[in-house]
C-alpha atoms as a PDB file:
ATOM      1  CA  MET A   1       0.000   0.000   0.000  1.00  0.00           C
ATOM      2  CA  ASP A   2       2.869   2.353   0.792  1.00  0.00           C
ATOM      3  CA  LEU A   3       4.429   1.670  -2.608  1.00  0.00           C
ATOM      4  CA  LEU A   4       1.099   2.355  -4.320  1.00  0.00           C
ATOM      5  CA  ALA A   5       0.648   5.624  -2.396  1.00  0.00           C
ATOM      6  CA  THR A   6       4.161   6.717  -3.384  1.00  0.00           C
ATOM      7  CA  GLU A   7       3.542   5.877  -7.051  1.00  0.00           C
ATOM      8  CA  VAL A   8       0.221   7.773  -7.048  1.00  0.00           C
ATOM      9  CA  LYS A   9       1.973  10.874  -5.625  1.00  0.00           C
ATOM     10  CA  ASP A  10       4.764  10.592  -8.214  1.00  0.00           C
ATOM     11  CA  TYR A  11       2.227  10.146 -11.025  1.00  0.00           C
ATOM     12  CA  ASN A  12       0.244  13.203  -9.919  1.00  0.00           C
ATOM     13  CA  VAL A  13       3.267  15.530  -9.804  1.00  0.00           C
ATOM     14  CA  SER A  14       5.062  14.298 -12.935  1.00  0.00           C
ATOM     15  CA  PRO A  15       4.110  15.631 -16.368  1.00  0.00           C
ATOM     16  CA  ASN A  16       1.594  13.325 -17.981  1.00  0.00           C
ATOM     17  CA  ASN A  17       2.699  11.883 -21.320  1.00  0.00           C
ATOM     18  CA  TYR A  18      -0.622  10.209 -22.104  1.00  0.00           C
ATOM     19  CA  ALA A  19      -1.680  10.972 -25.676  1.00  0.00           C
ATOM     20  CA  LYS A  20      -5.424  11.421 -26.138  1.00  0.00           C
ATOM     21  CA  THR A  21      -5.218   9.537 -29.433  1.00  0.00           C
ATOM     22  CA  GLN A  22      -3.891   6.405 -27.710  1.00  0.00           C
ATOM     23  CA  ARG A  23      -6.187   3.962 -25.920  1.00  0.00           C
ATOM     24  CA  VAL A  24      -5.830   4.252 -22.160  1.00  0.00           C
ATOM     25  CA  ASP A  25      -5.505   0.474 -21.615  1.00  0.00           C
ATOM     26  CA  VAL A  26      -2.696   0.281 -24.186  1.00  0.00           C
ATOM     27  CA  TRP A  27      -0.923   3.241 -22.549  1.00  0.00           C
ATOM     28  CA  TRP A  28      -1.113   1.666 -19.077  1.00  0.00           C
ATOM     29  CA  GLY A  29       0.095  -1.628 -20.543  1.00  0.00           C
ATOM     30  CA  LYS A  30       3.300   0.068 -21.716  1.00  0.00           C
ATOM     31  CA  GLN A  31       4.025   1.927 -18.456  1.00  0.00           C
ATOM     32  CA  SER A  32       7.082   0.757 -16.543  1.00  0.00           C
ATOM     33  CA  LYS A  33       7.665   3.793 -14.357  1.00  0.00           C
ATOM     34  CA  TYR A  34       4.728   2.948 -12.021  1.00  0.00           C
ATOM     35  CA  PRO A  35       4.513  -0.872 -11.825  1.00  0.00           C
ATOM     36  CA  THR A  36       2.092  -1.094  -8.875  1.00  0.00           C
ATOM     37  CA  LEU A  37      -0.163   1.652 -10.197  1.00  0.00           C
ATOM     38  CA  GLN A  38       0.005  -0.015 -13.612  1.00  0.00           C
ATOM     39  CA  LYS A  39      -1.354  -3.280 -12.161  1.00  0.00           C
ATOM     40  CA  LEU A  40      -4.176  -1.427 -10.429  1.00  0.00           C
ATOM     41  CA  ALA A  41      -5.089   0.574 -13.538  1.00  0.00           C
ATOM     42  CA  ARG A  42      -5.034  -2.489 -15.775  1.00  0.00           C
ATOM     43  CA  ALA A  43      -7.231  -4.399 -13.309  1.00  0.00           C
ATOM     44  CA  CYS A  44      -9.728  -1.534 -13.192  1.00  0.00           C
ATOM     45  CA  LEU A  45      -9.744  -1.169 -16.968  1.00  0.00           C
ATOM     46  CA  SER A  46     -10.408  -4.885 -17.459  1.00  0.00           C
ATOM     47  CA  ILE A  47     -13.807  -4.666 -15.737  1.00  0.00           C
ATOM     48  CA  PHE A  48     -16.530  -5.177 -18.316  1.00  0.00           C
ATOM     49  CA  HIS A  49     -18.980  -2.370 -18.784  1.00  0.00           C
ATOM     50  CA  GLY A  50     -21.050  -0.591 -21.350  1.00  0.00           C
ATOM     51  CA  PRO A  51     -23.335  -1.694 -24.143  1.00  0.00           C
ATOM     52  CA  GLN A  52     -21.214  -4.692 -25.139  1.00  0.00           C
ATOM     53  CA  VAL A  53     -21.900  -6.374 -21.799  1.00  0.00           C
ATOM     54  CA  GLU A  54     -25.592  -5.502 -21.863  1.00  0.00           C
ATOM     55  CA  GLY A  55     -25.830  -6.875 -25.380  1.00  0.00           C
ATOM     56  CA  SER A  56     -24.105 -10.106 -24.423  1.00  0.00           C
ATOM     57  CA  PHE A  57     -26.493 -10.606 -21.492  1.00  0.00           C
ATOM     58  CA  SER A  58     -29.504 -10.072 -23.735  1.00  0.00           C
ATOM     59  CA  ARG A  59     -28.111 -12.591 -26.221  1.00  0.00           C
ATOM     60  CA  MET A  60     -27.325 -15.080 -23.450  1.00  0.00           C
ATOM     61  CA  LYS A  61     -31.023 -15.773 -22.968  1.00  0.00           C
ATOM     62  CA  ASP A  62     -30.856 -17.723 -26.236  1.00  0.00           C
ATOM     63  CA  ILE A  63     -28.148 -19.996 -24.831  1.00  0.00           C
ATOM     64  CA  MET A  64     -28.717 -20.214 -21.082  1.00  0.00           C
ATOM     65  CA  LYS A  65     -32.020 -21.962 -20.448  1.00  0.00           C
ATOM     66  CA  VAL A  66     -33.372 -24.190 -17.693  1.00  0.00           C
ATOM     67  CA  LYS A  67     -31.994 -27.340 -19.306  1.00  0.00           C
ATOM     68  CA  SER A  68     -28.571 -25.827 -19.996  1.00  0.00           C
ATOM     69  CA  GLY A  69     -28.018 -24.272 -16.556  1.00  0.00           C
ATOM     70  CA  ASN A  70     -25.057 -26.515 -15.811  1.00  0.00           C
ATOM     71  CA  MET A  71     -23.268 -25.834 -19.097  1.00  0.00           C
ATOM     72  CA  ALA A  72     -19.480 -25.912 -18.909  1.00  0.00           C
ATOM     73  CA  VAL A  73     -17.658 -22.626 -19.427  1.00  0.00           C
ATOM     74  CA  SER A  74     -15.772 -24.059 -22.394  1.00  0.00           C
ATOM     75  CA  THR A  75     -19.051 -25.068 -24.071  1.00  0.00           C
ATOM     76  CA  PHE A  76     -20.555 -21.649 -23.438  1.00  0.00           C
ATOM     77  CA  SER A  77     -17.436 -20.007 -24.843  1.00  0.00           C
ATOM     78  CA  ALA A  78     -17.600 -22.172 -27.961  1.00  0.00           C
ATOM     79  CA  VAL A  79     -21.263 -21.302 -28.530  1.00  0.00           C
ATOM     80  CA  TRP A  80     -20.478 -17.602 -28.119  1.00  0.00           C
ATOM     81  CA  THR A  81     -17.599 -17.828 -30.559  1.00  0.00           C
ATOM     82  CA  ILE A  82     -19.816 -19.407 -33.198  1.00  0.00           C
ATOM     83  CA  LYS A  83     -22.635 -16.908 -32.592  1.00  0.00           C
ATOM     84  CA  TYR A  84     -20.298 -13.926 -32.915  1.00  0.00           C
ATOM     85  CA  SER A  85     -18.669 -15.365 -35.999  1.00  0.00           C
ATOM     86  CA  LEU A  86     -22.048 -15.829 -37.655  1.00  0.00           C
ATOM     87  CA  MET A  87     -23.181 -12.350 -36.604  1.00  0.00           C
ATOM     88  CA  SER A  88     -19.996 -10.780 -38.005  1.00  0.00           C
ATOM     89  CA  ARG A  89     -20.660 -12.478 -41.357  1.00  0.00           C
ATOM     90  CA  ASP A  90     -24.338 -11.459 -41.163  1.00  0.00           C
ATOM     91  CA  THR A  91     -25.432 -15.018 -41.869  1.00  0.00           C
ATOM     92  CA  THR A  92     -27.017 -18.024 -40.155  1.00  0.00           C
ATOM     93  CA  ALA A  93     -25.750 -21.535 -39.547  1.00  0.00           C
ATOM     94  CA  VAL A  94     -28.377 -22.931 -41.911  1.00  0.00           C
ATOM     95  CA  SER A  95     -27.260 -20.681 -44.750  1.00  0.00           C
ATOM     96  CA  CYS A  96     -23.597 -21.565 -44.164  1.00  0.00           C
ATOM     97  CA  PHE A  97     -24.207 -25.271 -44.777  1.00  0.00           C
ATOM     98  CA  LYS A  98     -27.160 -25.030 -47.128  1.00  0.00           C
ATOM     99  CA  ARG A  99     -27.216 -27.420 -50.062  1.00  0.00           C
ATOM    100  CA  ASN A 100     -29.288 -26.633 -53.125  1.00  0.00           C
ATOM    101  CA  ASP A 101     -30.058 -30.243 -53.971  1.00  0.00           C
ATOM    102  CA  THR A 102     -29.993 -32.390 -50.841  1.00  0.00           C
ATOM    103  CA  LEU A 103     -29.987 -35.649 -52.812  1.00  0.00           C
ATOM    104  CA  HIS A 104     -27.153 -34.914 -55.223  1.00  0.00           C
ATOM    105  CA  THR A 105     -24.988 -32.277 -53.542  1.00  0.00           C
ATOM    106  CA  PRO A 106     -22.179 -33.876 -51.511  1.00  0.00           C
ATOM    107  CA  ILE A 107     -22.032 -33.307 -47.773  1.00  0.00           C
ATOM    108  CA  ASN A 108     -19.209 -31.126 -46.515  1.00  0.00           C
ATOM    109  CA  PRO A 109     -16.636 -33.659 -45.201  1.00  0.00           C
ATOM    110  CA  ALA A 110     -15.107 -31.102 -42.829  1.00  0.00           C
ATOM    111  CA  LEU A 111     -18.508 -30.650 -41.186  1.00  0.00           C
ATOM    112  CA  VAL A 112     -18.993 -34.399 -40.788  1.00  0.00           C
ATOM    113  CA  ASN A 113     -15.486 -34.752 -39.372  1.00  0.00           C
ATOM    114  CA  SER A 114     -16.071 -31.904 -36.912  1.00  0.00           C
ATOM    115  CA  MET A 115     -19.312 -33.450 -35.711  1.00  0.00           C
ATOM    116  CA  THR A 116     -17.816 -36.885 -35.109  1.00  0.00           C
ATOM    117  CA  THR A 117     -14.650 -35.627 -33.461  1.00  0.00           C
ATOM    118  CA  SER A 118     -16.561 -33.193 -31.225  1.00  0.00           C
ATOM    119  CA  HIS A 119     -18.655 -36.028 -29.790  1.00  0.00           C
ATOM    120  CA  ALA A 120     -15.572 -38.152 -29.170  1.00  0.00           C
ATOM    121  CA  ARG A 121     -13.847 -35.191 -27.510  1.00  0.00           C
ATOM    122  CA  TYR A 122     -16.927 -34.605 -25.324  1.00  0.00           C
ATOM    123  CA  LYS A 123     -16.951 -38.258 -24.207  1.00  0.00           C
ATOM    124  CA  ARG A 124     -13.224 -38.088 -23.356  1.00  0.00           C
ATOM    125  CA  GLU A 125     -13.829 -34.920 -21.363  1.00  0.00           C
ATOM    126  CA  LEU A 126     -16.647 -36.580 -19.390  1.00  0.00           C
ATOM    127  CA  CYS A 127     -14.431 -39.612 -18.706  1.00  0.00           C
ATOM    128  CA  LYS A 128     -11.631 -37.370 -17.507  1.00  0.00           C
ATOM    129  CA  ILE A 129     -13.993 -35.502 -15.174  1.00  0.00           C
ATOM    130  CA  ARG A 130     -15.290 -38.802 -13.737  1.00  0.00           C
ATOM    131  CA  GLU A 131     -11.750 -40.103 -13.197  1.00  0.00           C
ATOM    132  CA  GLU A 132     -10.714 -36.882 -11.461  1.00  0.00           C
ATOM    133  CA  GLU A 133     -13.780 -37.095  -9.215  1.00  0.00           C
ATOM    134  CA  GLU A 134     -13.021 -40.719  -8.301  1.00  0.00           C
ATOM    135  CA  GLU A 135      -9.393 -39.825  -7.618  1.00  0.00           C
ATOM    136  CA  ARG A 136     -10.486 -36.914  -5.431  1.00  0.00           C
ATOM    137  CA  LYS A 137     -12.802 -39.216  -3.471  1.00  0.00           C
ATOM    138  CA  LYS A 138      -9.955 -41.684  -2.968  1.00  0.00           C
ATOM    139  CA  ASP A 139      -7.661 -38.914  -1.805  1.00  0.00           C
ATOM    140  CA  LEU A 140     -10.199 -37.689   0.683  1.00  0.00           C
ATOM    141  CA  ASP A 141     -10.990 -41.264   1.707  1.00  0.00           C
ATOM    142  CA  GLN A 142     -14.670 -40.599   1.339  1.00  0.00           C
ATOM    143  CA  GLN A 143     -17.092 -43.389   1.991  1.00  0.00           C
ATOM    144  CA  VAL A 144     -20.761 -43.543   1.166  1.00  0.00           C
ATOM    145  CA  HIS A 145     -22.675 -43.062   4.386  1.00  0.00           C
ATOM    146  CA  VAL A 146     -25.957 -44.860   4.916  1.00  0.00           C
ATOM    147  CA  LEU A 147     -28.666 -42.393   5.697  1.00  0.00           C
ATOM    148  CA  THR A 148     -30.717 -43.153   8.775  1.00  0.00           C
ATOM    149  CA  THR A 149     -34.233 -42.120   9.499  1.00  0.00           C
ATOM    150  CA  ILE A 150     -35.026 -39.651  12.262  1.00  0.00           C
ATOM    151  CA  ALA A 151     -36.558 -42.393  14.422  1.00  0.00           C
ATOM    152  CA  LYS A 152     -33.481 -44.613  13.976  1.00  0.00           C
ATOM    153  CA  ALA A 153     -31.165 -41.707  14.840  1.00  0.00           C
ATOM    154  CA  LYS A 154     -33.243 -40.962  17.959  1.00  0.00           C
ATOM    155  CA  SER A 155     -33.082 -44.582  19.161  1.00  0.00           C
ATOM    156  CA  ILE A 156     -29.298 -44.681  18.565  1.00  0.00           C
ATOM    157  CA  LYS A 157     -28.936 -41.498  20.613  1.00  0.00           C
ATOM    158  CA  GLN A 158     -31.078 -42.888  23.470  1.00  0.00           C
ATOM    159  CA  HIS A 159     -29.082 -46.131  23.521  1.00  0.00           C
ATOM    160  CA  ALA A 160     -25.784 -44.220  23.607  1.00  0.00           C
ATOM    161  CA  THR A 161     -27.089 -42.014  26.436  1.00  0.00           C
ATOM    162  CA  LYS A 162     -28.121 -45.052  28.534  1.00  0.00           C
ATOM    163  CA  LYS A 163     -24.729 -46.683  27.952  1.00  0.00           C
ATOM    164  CA  ALA A 164     -22.883 -43.537  28.954  1.00  0.00           C
ATOM    165  CA  PHE A 165     -25.017 -43.217  32.104  1.00  0.00           C
ATOM    166  CA  LYS A 166     -24.283 -46.827  33.112  1.00  0.00           C
ATOM    167  CA  ARG A 167     -20.543 -46.273  32.595  1.00  0.00           C
ATOM    168  CA  HIS A 168     -20.743 -43.158  34.703  1.00  0.00           C
ATOM    169  CA  GLN A 169     -22.559 -45.024  37.514  1.00  0.00           C
ATOM    170  CA  SER A 170     -20.066 -47.870  37.493  1.00  0.00           C
ATOM    171  CA  ALA A 171     -17.184 -45.392  37.640  1.00  0.00           C
ATOM    172  CA  LEU A 172     -18.732 -43.895  40.788  1.00  0.00           C
ATOM    173  CA  GLY A 173     -18.982 -47.301  42.449  1.00  0.00           C
ATOM    174  CA  GLY A 174     -22.357 -48.726  41.636  1.00  0.00           C
ATOM    175  CA  PRO A 175     -25.859 -47.494  41.176  1.00  0.00           C
ATOM    176  CA  SER A 176     -26.576 -44.176  42.768  1.00  0.00           C
ATOM    177  CA  LYS A 177     -28.781 -44.134  45.810  1.00  0.00           C
ATOM    178  CA  ARG A 178     -31.741 -41.849  45.618  1.00  0.00           C
ATOM    179  CA  ARG A 179     -32.487 -39.697  48.573  1.00  0.00           C
ATOM    180  CA  LYS A 180     -35.969 -39.556  49.910  1.00  0.00           C
ATOM    181  CA  TYR A 181     -37.240 -36.231  51.014  1.00  0.00           C
END
């Protein structure tokens, strides 16, 4: 914090060589005179804001639905990449792979290859996730616990209480004598 405060003071008193024609994030990326202040400025400038973020949230409703709530980040990123690519070309996926004569026009082999390899890659990814989960369970030495009902738990507790009371009585030298008043 002291280093940051010193750099802020130095920055405020030194002549500013920021050119208005240069992007502020690029300028801060090239700064070496104020390394701590540079990190802070770059972190602040990397926060998303503005119409691009609002637009991406409005477009997300097409992707994120009830059934796809647990979508992996990599899958979501891939969908976004394809959507943006199609939007930049001002086209649709159907028009990209449209065939005039479906019976006689050959199928795009690159598309078929991509479809088959993507499924195989997805299966490998699921297998890897399962193996990592099993390995994690082994490392933590987790065991599957049998759930008991409330009544069963209550009877186990009562039995343990009675046993503990009997041990306590025997440690005192026999059953306790009740006083009569």
